[in-house]
Amino acid sequence: MELWIKNDEVEEIKQSVLKIISSVHFSDETKPFVDALKSKGKAAIPALNEIVRSGNLHSDEEEYVGNAIKEIMEG
């Protein structure tokens, strides 16, 4: 049950990030969402990968999300 709830939270955060980056330039206001996903651990990897694959990120933004994935994998 706990994993199910965690996955719902991950999906909700991911959708928030995708909505923001599809409508405006990735900004500092999206970083807390990426950080929130990172805090969910390995359950967030697919969501972070989907954000990277969205095609709406600039190189610095992609690097920020990539670093979040790297930190999860190393943690």
Protein backbone atom coordinates (compact mmCIF):
# COMPACT_ATOMS: atom_id res chain seq x y z
CA MET A 1 0.00 0.00 0.00
CA GLU A 2 2.82 2.40 0.90
CA LEU A 3 4.48 1.85 -2.49
CA TRP A 4 1.18 2.53 -4.26
CA ILE A 5 0.78 5.85 -2.42
CA LYS A 6 4.40 6.76 -3.15
CA ASN A 7 3.89 6.05 -6.86
CA ASP A 8 0.79 8.28 -6.90
CA GLU A 9 2.84 11.08 -5.36
CA VAL A 10 5.59 10.58 -7.93
CA GLU A 11 3.05 10.68 -10.78
CA GLU A 12 1.46 13.86 -9.43
CA ILE A 13 4.80 15.64 -9.10
CA LYS A 14 5.91 14.45 -12.55
CA GLN A 15 2.74 15.78 -14.13
CA SER A 16 3.29 19.15 -12.44
CA VAL A 17 6.81 19.40 -13.86
CA LEU A 18 5.71 18.34 -17.35
CA LYS A 19 2.92 20.90 -17.29
CA ILE A 20 5.27 23.70 -16.24
CA ILE A 21 8.01 22.91 -18.74
CA SER A 22 5.57 22.51 -21.60
CA SER A 23 4.02 25.93 -21.01
CA VAL A 24 7.00 28.05 -19.94
CA HIS A 25 10.75 27.90 -19.81
CA PHE A 26 12.07 25.62 -17.07
CA SER A 27 12.63 27.89 -14.13
CA ASP A 28 13.66 27.91 -10.51
CA GLU A 29 10.06 27.20 -9.57
CA THR A 30 10.31 23.73 -11.09
CA LYS A 31 13.48 22.81 -9.22
CA PRO A 32 11.57 22.09 -5.99
CA PHE A 33 9.42 19.61 -7.94
CA VAL A 34 12.51 17.87 -9.31
CA ASP A 35 13.96 17.84 -5.79
CA ALA A 36 10.69 16.40 -4.48
CA LEU A 37 10.90 13.62 -7.05
CA LYS A 38 14.52 13.00 -6.06
CA SER A 39 13.41 12.62 -2.44
CA LYS A 40 11.16 9.70 -3.50
CA GLY A 41 14.23 7.67 -4.38
CA LYS A 42 14.34 4.99 -7.03
CA ALA A 43 10.56 5.11 -7.47
CA ALA A 44 11.09 8.49 -9.16
CA ILE A 45 13.60 7.33 -11.79
CA PRO A 46 10.98 6.58 -14.49
CA ALA A 47 9.30 9.95 -13.90
CA LEU A 48 12.60 11.83 -14.07
CA ASN A 49 13.51 9.96 -17.26
CA GLU A 50 10.17 10.92 -18.77
CA ILE A 51 10.81 14.58 -17.95
CA VAL A 52 14.19 14.39 -19.71
CA ARG A 53 12.60 12.68 -22.73
CA SER A 54 9.86 15.33 -22.95
CA GLY A 55 12.07 17.37 -25.26
CA ASN A 56 11.23 20.62 -23.47
CA LEU A 57 14.44 20.97 -21.49
CA HIS A 58 17.45 23.10 -22.29
CA SER A 59 20.89 21.63 -21.65
CA ASP A 60 21.28 23.16 -18.18
CA GLU A 61 17.82 21.93 -17.20
CA GLU A 62 18.51 18.48 -18.55
CA GLU A 63 21.73 18.46 -16.54
CA TYR A 64 19.80 19.35 -13.35
CA VAL A 65 17.38 16.46 -13.84
CA GLY A 66 20.25 14.18 -14.88
CA ASN A 67 22.10 15.03 -11.68
CA ALA A 68 19.00 14.17 -9.67
CA ILE A 69 18.90 10.75 -11.35
CA LYS A 70 22.62 10.26 -10.73
CA GLU A 71 22.29 11.16 -7.05
CA ILE A 72 19.44 8.66 -6.63
CA MET A 73 21.43 5.91 -8.30
CA GLU A 74 24.53 6.62 -6.20
CA GLY A 75 22.55 7.00 -2.97
